[in-house]
Amino acid sequence: MKTEFYVEFDGRQINLDQIEDAVKVSWKSDGNKMKDLKSLRVYYKPQERKAYYVVNGESKGENDSLEV
């Protein structure tokens, strides 16, 4: 079974996979390697269209390029 998770807010819709992909791109563009990513915690604020994230329990960041 495949589950798809969407967030809808203010006439926009974004898929959980889109948020995760955008966060991973941010992580990589900061000079990190994907093989070093062990855990990922994402907090999405739909009113800001921003994802805040914690990688490996310590590294923090944000992605505000989530165009939906």
N, C-alpha and C. Protein backbone atom coordinates (compact mmCIF):
# COMPACT_ATOMS: atom_id res chain seq x y z
N MET A 1 0.84 -1.19 0.00
CA MET A 1 0.00 0.00 0.00
C MET A 1 0.88 1.24 0.00
N LYS A 2 0.53 2.19 -0.82
CA LYS A 2 1.23 3.46 -0.87
C LYS A 2 0.31 4.54 -0.34
N THR A 3 0.82 5.35 0.58
CA THR A 3 0.06 6.44 1.15
C THR A 3 0.61 7.75 0.61
N GLU A 4 -0.27 8.63 0.20
CA GLU A 4 0.11 9.97 -0.22
C GLU A 4 -0.48 10.94 0.79
N PHE A 5 0.36 11.87 1.25
CA PHE A 5 -0.06 12.82 2.27
C PHE A 5 0.04 14.23 1.71
N TYR A 6 -1.05 14.98 1.78
CA TYR A 6 -1.10 16.34 1.25
C TYR A 6 -1.49 17.32 2.35
N VAL A 7 -0.97 18.53 2.23
CA VAL A 7 -1.38 19.64 3.08
C VAL A 7 -2.07 20.64 2.16
N GLU A 8 -3.27 21.05 2.55
CA GLU A 8 -4.00 22.06 1.79
C GLU A 8 -4.20 23.27 2.67
N PHE A 9 -3.91 24.45 2.11
CA PHE A 9 -4.06 25.69 2.86
C PHE A 9 -4.18 26.84 1.89
N ASP A 10 -5.15 27.69 2.09
CA ASP A 10 -5.31 28.92 1.32
C ASP A 10 -5.33 28.66 -0.19
N GLY A 11 -6.04 27.62 -0.60
CA GLY A 11 -6.18 27.33 -2.02
C GLY A 11 -4.99 26.65 -2.66
N ARG A 12 -4.00 26.27 -1.85
CA ARG A 12 -2.81 25.60 -2.37
C ARG A 12 -2.72 24.20 -1.79
N GLN A 13 -1.99 23.36 -2.49
CA GLN A 13 -1.81 21.97 -2.06
C GLN A 13 -0.36 21.58 -2.27
N ILE A 14 0.21 20.89 -1.29
CA ILE A 14 1.57 20.40 -1.42
C ILE A 14 1.62 18.98 -0.87
N ASN A 15 2.41 18.16 -1.52
CA ASN A 15 2.56 16.76 -1.16
C ASN A 15 3.74 16.62 -0.19
N LEU A 16 3.63 15.71 0.73
CA LEU A 16 4.70 15.46 1.69
C LEU A 16 6.01 15.15 0.99
N ASP A 17 5.96 14.42 -0.12
CA ASP A 17 7.17 14.09 -0.86
C ASP A 17 7.85 15.34 -1.42
N GLN A 18 7.06 16.34 -1.84
CA GLN A 18 7.62 17.59 -2.35
C GLN A 18 8.38 18.32 -1.24
N ILE A 19 7.81 18.33 -0.04
CA ILE A 19 8.45 18.99 1.09
C ILE A 19 9.76 18.28 1.43
N GLU A 20 9.71 16.96 1.50
CA GLU A 20 10.91 16.18 1.83
C GLU A 20 12.00 16.40 0.77
N ASP A 21 11.64 16.39 -0.50
CA ASP A 21 12.61 16.60 -1.56
C ASP A 21 13.26 17.98 -1.47
N ALA A 22 12.45 19.00 -1.19
CA ALA A 22 12.97 20.37 -1.08
C ALA A 22 13.94 20.49 0.09
N VAL A 23 13.63 19.84 1.20
CA VAL A 23 14.51 19.87 2.36
C VAL A 23 15.83 19.17 2.04
N LYS A 24 15.77 18.04 1.36
CA LYS A 24 16.99 17.32 0.99
C LYS A 24 17.85 18.14 0.04
N VAL A 25 17.23 18.87 -0.87
CA VAL A 25 17.99 19.75 -1.76
C VAL A 25 18.69 20.84 -0.95
N SER A 26 18.00 21.41 0.03
CA SER A 26 18.62 22.42 0.90
C SER A 26 19.80 21.85 1.65
N TRP A 27 19.62 20.66 2.20
CA TRP A 27 20.69 19.99 2.95
C TRP A 27 21.92 19.80 2.06
N LYS A 28 21.68 19.32 0.85
CA LYS A 28 22.78 19.05 -0.07
C LYS A 28 23.43 20.36 -0.55
N SER A 29 22.63 21.39 -0.80
CA SER A 29 23.17 22.66 -1.29
C SER A 29 23.99 23.38 -0.22
N ASP A 30 23.82 22.99 1.03
CA ASP A 30 24.64 23.54 2.12
C ASP A 30 25.98 22.83 2.22
N GLY A 31 26.26 21.94 1.27
CA GLY A 31 27.55 21.26 1.22
C GLY A 31 27.59 19.93 1.94
N ASN A 32 26.42 19.43 2.34
CA ASN A 32 26.35 18.15 3.03
C ASN A 32 26.17 17.00 2.04
N LYS A 33 26.48 15.81 2.49
CA LYS A 33 26.33 14.62 1.66
C LYS A 33 25.09 13.84 2.10
N MET A 34 24.36 13.33 1.12
CA MET A 34 23.14 12.58 1.43
C MET A 34 23.43 11.35 2.28
N LYS A 35 24.61 10.75 2.11
CA LYS A 35 24.93 9.55 2.90
C LYS A 35 25.07 9.88 4.38
N ASP A 36 25.28 11.16 4.72
CA ASP A 36 25.40 11.57 6.11
C ASP A 36 24.05 11.86 6.76
N LEU A 37 22.98 11.88 5.97
CA LEU A 37 21.65 12.15 6.49
C LEU A 37 21.08 10.84 7.05
N LYS A 38 20.98 10.77 8.36
CA LYS A 38 20.49 9.55 9.03
C LYS A 38 19.05 9.69 9.50
N SER A 39 18.70 10.89 9.98
CA SER A 39 17.32 11.13 10.41
C SER A 39 16.92 12.54 10.02
N LEU A 40 15.64 12.71 9.76
CA LEU A 40 15.13 13.99 9.29
C LEU A 40 13.79 14.26 9.98
N ARG A 41 13.71 15.41 10.64
CA ARG A 41 12.46 15.85 11.27
C ARG A 41 12.07 17.16 10.58
N VAL A 42 10.85 17.21 10.02
CA VAL A 42 10.41 18.37 9.25
C VAL A 42 9.16 18.97 9.88
N TYR A 43 9.18 20.29 9.99
CA TYR A 43 8.02 21.05 10.47
C TYR A 43 7.61 21.98 9.35
N TYR A 44 6.40 21.82 8.85
CA TYR A 44 5.93 22.61 7.73
C TYR A 44 4.90 23.62 8.19
N LYS A 45 5.12 24.90 7.84
CA LYS A 45 4.17 25.96 8.18
C LYS A 45 3.50 26.42 6.88
N PRO A 46 2.30 25.93 6.60
CA PRO A 46 1.66 26.24 5.32
C PRO A 46 1.37 27.73 5.13
N GLN A 47 1.09 28.46 6.20
CA GLN A 47 0.80 29.88 6.04
C GLN A 47 2.03 30.66 5.59
N GLU A 48 3.23 30.13 5.86
CA GLU A 48 4.48 30.77 5.42
C GLU A 48 5.07 30.08 4.19
N ARG A 49 4.54 28.92 3.84
CA ARG A 49 5.10 28.06 2.79
C ARG A 49 6.57 27.79 3.05
N LYS A 50 6.88 27.46 4.29
CA LYS A 50 8.24 27.21 4.73
C LYS A 50 8.32 25.89 5.48
N ALA A 51 9.42 25.20 5.27
CA ALA A 51 9.70 23.97 6.02
C ALA A 51 10.92 24.22 6.89
N TYR A 52 10.79 23.90 8.15
CA TYR A 52 11.91 23.95 9.08
C TYR A 52 12.30 22.52 9.35
N TYR A 53 13.59 22.26 9.51
CA TYR A 53 13.99 20.87 9.66
C TYR A 53 15.17 20.70 10.60
N VAL A 54 15.26 19.49 11.14
CA VAL A 54 16.37 19.08 12.00
C VAL A 54 16.92 17.79 11.40
N VAL A 55 18.23 17.78 11.15
CA VAL A 55 18.89 16.63 10.56
C VAL A 55 19.77 15.98 11.61
N ASN A 56 19.63 14.67 11.75
CA ASN A 56 20.44 13.88 12.67
C ASN A 56 20.36 14.40 14.11
N GLY A 57 19.23 15.00 14.46
CA GLY A 57 19.00 15.46 15.82
C GLY A 57 19.76 16.70 16.22
N GLU A 58 20.52 17.31 15.29
CA GLU A 58 21.31 18.47 15.70
C GLU A 58 21.37 19.60 14.67
N SER A 59 21.55 19.30 13.42
CA SER A 59 21.68 20.32 12.40
C SER A 59 20.31 20.88 12.04
N LYS A 60 20.15 22.20 12.09
CA LYS A 60 18.86 22.82 11.84
C LYS A 60 18.93 23.68 10.59
N GLY A 61 17.79 23.82 9.93
CA GLY A 61 17.73 24.66 8.74
C GLY A 61 16.31 24.97 8.37
N GLU A 62 16.16 25.69 7.27
CA GLU A 62 14.83 26.00 6.77
C GLU A 62 14.88 26.09 5.26
N ASN A 63 13.72 25.88 4.67
CA ASN A 63 13.58 25.97 3.21
C ASN A 63 12.34 26.78 2.93
N ASP A 64 12.53 27.90 2.25
CA ASP A 64 11.37 28.75 1.94
C ASP A 64 11.10 28.79 0.44
N SER A 65 11.60 27.78 -0.27
CA SER A 65 11.39 27.75 -1.72
C SER A 65 10.31 26.76 -2.12
N LEU A 66 9.36 26.54 -1.24
CA LEU A 66 8.30 25.56 -1.52
C LEU A 66 7.17 26.24 -2.27
N GLU A 67 7.32 26.34 -3.57
CA GLU A 67 6.30 26.95 -4.41
C GLU A 67 5.22 25.92 -4.71
N VAL A 68 4.01 26.27 -4.41
CA VAL A 68 2.89 25.36 -4.67
C VAL A 68 1.82 26.08 -5.45
